[in-house]
Amino acid sequence: MTAFRLIATEGHLEEPVARKLFSVLRISDRDAVYVRPRGSFWERVPKYNDAARHGGLVLGLADIETHPCPSGLIAEHLPHGKHPQFVLRIAERMLESWLLADGDSLAGFLKVATSIVPRDPEAEEHPKRTLVNLARRSPDRSIRDDLVPEEGSRGVAGPGYRLRMAEYVDQRWQPLTAAGRSQSLQRAIAAIKKAAEQ
């Protein structure tokens, strides 16, 4: 399989998610460079596209959030088209929808009932908030302390959210299972695999 040379991520959780995807798809990322821009991910997208044109396979992972559709978002920032070696994948609303999609694993991690995990995570208006609200119901105080923001905080998530969810991705999350409830993840897996096989 062809190796990806550059992995560009919009947020903190995209990196462990990318690493997990490469692991389950048996694609080496040993020599890949991971980057997360300090500013806007989308302002850097044309540079990532150029890197794909000149330097091999590039993976970009981002959220769609409030934009109406992925294709429109890509066209807005790459008006002259996306290079075939730039695999730019966008999670529906937020990356957390991909994590919610493996309901059994997430329920076990949070120590909550599987029945309260949404069966259609891509329909959630704010998947990160949905995940945090699930953590509120955990009987495990350490989970609540890490994932749930303190009362009066303006933040969506608690202080340990990033590290705790990276742990979930690395140790529990099953992306091939999650793809059954997330079309955007399913498309991402297919695109990454196809690019690596060419």
Protein backbone atom coordinates (compact mmCIF):
# COMPACT_ATOMS: atom_id res chain seq x y z
CA MET A 1 0.00 0.00 0.00
CA THR A 2 1.06 3.58 -0.66
CA ALA A 3 1.89 5.52 2.50
CA PHE A 4 0.42 8.91 3.36
CA ARG A 5 3.12 11.58 3.68
CA LEU A 6 1.14 14.30 5.46
CA ILE A 7 -1.85 14.18 7.79
CA ALA A 8 -3.47 17.56 8.42
CA THR A 9 -6.04 17.77 11.20
CA GLU A 10 -8.46 20.50 12.20
CA GLY A 11 -8.71 19.62 15.88
CA HIS A 12 -6.95 17.66 18.59
CA LEU A 13 -8.94 14.41 18.32
CA GLU A 14 -8.46 14.05 14.58
CA GLU A 15 -4.88 12.87 15.06
CA PRO A 16 -5.67 9.84 17.25
CA VAL A 17 -8.63 9.09 14.97
CA ALA A 18 -6.38 9.14 11.90
CA ARG A 19 -3.85 6.91 13.62
CA LYS A 20 -6.58 4.44 14.56
CA LEU A 21 -7.94 4.41 11.00
CA PHE A 22 -4.49 3.67 9.60
CA SER A 23 -4.05 0.91 12.17
CA VAL A 24 -7.31 -0.91 11.40
CA LEU A 25 -6.80 -0.48 7.65
CA ARG A 26 -3.20 -1.75 7.96
CA ILE A 27 -1.76 1.37 6.35
CA SER A 28 1.60 2.50 7.67
CA ASP A 29 1.91 6.07 8.98
CA ARG A 30 5.43 5.52 10.31
CA ASP A 31 6.98 8.23 8.12
CA ALA A 32 3.96 10.53 8.02
CA VAL A 33 4.09 14.09 9.34
CA TYR A 34 1.08 15.16 11.43
CA VAL A 35 0.20 18.85 11.42
CA ARG A 36 -2.52 20.91 13.04
CA PRO A 37 -2.52 24.59 12.07
CA ARG A 38 -2.56 27.22 14.79
CA GLY A 39 -5.06 29.24 12.79
CA SER A 40 -7.85 28.17 10.47
CA PHE A 41 -7.59 24.68 8.99
CA TRP A 42 -9.51 25.82 5.93
CA GLU A 43 -7.12 28.69 5.22
CA ARG A 44 -4.35 26.08 4.94
CA VAL A 45 -6.29 23.70 2.71
CA PRO A 46 -4.87 25.12 -0.57
CA LYS A 47 -1.35 24.46 0.77
CA TYR A 48 -2.27 20.89 1.67
CA ASN A 49 -3.65 20.50 -1.84
CA ASP A 50 -0.33 21.73 -3.28
CA ALA A 51 1.54 19.31 -1.03
CA ALA A 52 -0.51 16.46 -2.48
CA ARG A 53 0.26 17.67 -6.00
CA HIS A 54 4.00 17.71 -5.37
CA GLY A 55 4.71 15.33 -2.53
CA GLY A 56 2.36 12.34 -2.47
CA LEU A 57 -0.69 11.33 -0.48
CA VAL A 58 -2.14 13.83 2.00
CA LEU A 59 -5.02 13.18 4.41
CA GLY A 60 -7.06 16.05 5.77
CA LEU A 61 -9.65 15.54 8.54
CA ALA A 62 -12.12 18.23 9.55
CA ASP A 63 -15.68 18.91 10.76
CA ILE A 64 -18.50 20.27 8.64
CA GLU A 65 -20.16 21.91 11.68
CA THR A 66 -22.82 24.37 10.40
CA HIS A 67 -21.94 24.32 6.69
CA PRO A 68 -24.75 22.83 4.57
CA CYS A 69 -22.67 20.25 2.67
CA PRO A 70 -19.09 18.93 2.39
CA SER A 71 -18.81 19.44 -1.38
CA GLY A 72 -19.76 23.10 -1.05
CA LEU A 73 -17.24 23.60 1.75
CA ILE A 74 -14.47 22.04 -0.33
CA ALA A 75 -15.41 24.02 -3.45
CA GLU A 76 -15.37 27.23 -1.42
CA HIS A 77 -11.75 26.70 -0.39
CA LEU A 78 -10.50 24.83 -3.46
CA PRO A 79 -12.26 26.65 -6.33
CA HIS A 80 -9.90 25.12 -8.91
CA GLY A 81 -10.50 21.59 -7.71
CA LYS A 82 -8.98 19.10 -5.29
CA HIS A 83 -5.95 17.07 -6.31
CA PRO A 84 -6.67 13.29 -6.38
CA GLN A 85 -3.85 12.65 -3.90
CA PHE A 86 -5.44 14.96 -1.33
CA VAL A 87 -7.92 12.82 0.62
CA LEU A 88 -10.01 15.44 2.39
CA ARG A 89 -12.67 13.90 4.62
CA ILE A 90 -15.24 15.79 6.64
CA ALA A 91 -17.14 14.43 9.64
CA GLU A 92 -20.87 15.14 9.66
CA ARG A 93 -21.28 18.08 12.03
CA MET A 94 -18.34 17.08 14.29
CA LEU A 95 -15.78 14.33 14.66
CA GLU A 96 -17.59 13.19 17.80
CA SER A 97 -20.35 11.77 15.60
CA TRP A 98 -17.82 9.13 14.50
CA LEU A 99 -17.07 8.30 18.12
CA LEU A 100 -20.76 8.14 19.06
CA ALA A 101 -21.37 5.75 16.16
CA ASP A 102 -19.69 2.89 18.03
CA GLY A 103 -22.39 2.92 20.68
CA ASP A 104 -21.43 -0.27 22.52
CA SER A 105 -17.79 0.73 22.94
CA LEU A 106 -18.63 4.28 24.00
CA ALA A 107 -21.25 3.09 26.49
CA GLY A 108 -18.74 0.71 28.03
CA PHE A 109 -16.12 3.45 28.23
CA LEU A 110 -18.48 5.94 29.86
CA LYS A 111 -20.14 3.20 31.97
CA VAL A 112 -23.63 4.12 30.80
CA ALA A 113 -26.39 2.08 29.16
CA THR A 114 -25.98 1.48 25.43
CA SER A 115 -29.66 2.37 24.99
CA ILE A 116 -29.02 6.05 25.76
CA VAL A 117 -26.36 6.46 23.04
CA PRO A 118 -27.99 7.97 19.91
CA ARG A 119 -28.47 5.44 17.13
CA ASP A 120 -28.15 8.13 14.45
CA PRO A 121 -25.21 10.27 15.60
CA GLU A 122 -25.03 12.24 12.36
CA ALA A 123 -28.49 13.63 13.10
CA GLU A 124 -27.23 15.21 16.33
CA GLU A 125 -27.05 19.00 16.13
CA HIS A 126 -23.93 19.16 18.33
CA PRO A 127 -22.31 15.72 18.69
CA LYS A 128 -19.65 16.92 21.14
CA ARG A 129 -22.32 18.27 23.50
CA THR A 130 -24.25 15.02 23.08
CA LEU A 131 -21.19 13.03 24.12
CA VAL A 132 -20.56 15.26 27.13
CA ASN A 133 -24.19 14.93 28.19
CA LEU A 134 -23.79 11.16 28.11
CA ALA A 135 -20.76 11.53 30.38
CA ARG A 136 -22.90 13.53 32.83
CA ARG A 137 -24.87 10.34 33.40
CA SER A 138 -21.81 8.22 34.16
CA PRO A 139 -21.58 6.78 37.67
CA ASP A 140 -17.79 7.18 37.42
CA ARG A 141 -16.83 10.49 39.00
CA SER A 142 -13.45 10.60 37.23
CA ILE A 143 -15.21 10.45 33.86
CA ARG A 144 -17.57 13.24 34.87
CA ASP A 145 -14.70 15.35 36.21
CA ASP A 146 -12.71 14.94 32.97
CA LEU A 147 -15.46 15.27 30.38
CA VAL A 148 -18.07 17.55 31.92
CA PRO A 149 -17.34 21.28 32.27
CA GLU A 150 -17.52 22.86 35.70
CA GLU A 151 -20.75 24.59 36.60
CA GLY A 152 -20.69 28.14 35.24
CA SER A 153 -18.05 27.33 32.63
CA ARG A 154 -18.64 28.56 29.09
CA GLY A 155 -16.83 25.55 27.65
CA VAL A 156 -18.65 22.59 26.14
CA ALA A 157 -16.32 19.99 27.65
CA GLY A 158 -14.31 19.43 30.81
CA PRO A 159 -10.57 19.90 31.32
CA GLY A 160 -9.64 16.29 30.67
CA TYR A 161 -11.83 15.83 27.60
CA ARG A 162 -9.10 15.73 24.98
CA LEU A 163 -6.88 13.20 26.77
CA ARG A 164 -9.75 11.01 27.95
CA MET A 165 -11.33 10.82 24.48
CA ALA A 166 -7.95 10.15 22.87
CA GLU A 167 -7.71 7.21 25.27
CA TYR A 168 -11.14 6.02 24.14
CA VAL A 169 -10.13 6.24 20.47
CA ASP A 170 -6.88 4.37 21.05
CA GLN A 171 -8.18 1.64 23.35
CA ARG A 172 -11.89 1.14 22.68
CA TRP A 173 -13.20 2.77 19.48
CA GLN A 174 -13.94 0.35 16.62
CA PRO A 175 -14.13 2.45 13.42
CA LEU A 176 -15.26 -0.41 11.17
CA THR A 177 -18.19 -1.00 13.53
CA ALA A 178 -18.87 2.74 13.82
CA ALA A 179 -19.01 3.06 10.03
CA GLY A 180 -22.28 1.14 10.12
CA ARG A 181 -23.96 4.15 11.76
CA SER A 182 -21.96 6.95 10.15
CA GLN A 183 -22.03 7.49 6.41
CA SER A 184 -19.34 10.16 6.54
CA LEU A 185 -17.02 7.77 8.38
CA GLN A 186 -17.88 4.99 5.97
CA ARG A 187 -16.96 7.27 3.04
CA ALA A 188 -13.76 8.35 4.78
CA ILE A 189 -12.64 4.76 5.30
CA ALA A 190 -13.40 3.89 1.67
CA ALA A 191 -11.52 6.95 0.36
CA ILE A 192 -8.44 6.35 2.53
CA LYS A 193 -8.31 2.69 1.54
CA LYS A 194 -8.77 3.43 -2.15
CA ALA A 195 -6.04 6.08 -2.16
CA ALA A 196 -3.58 3.81 -0.38
CA GLU A 197 -4.25 0.94 -2.80
CA GLN A 198 -3.61 2.94 -5.96
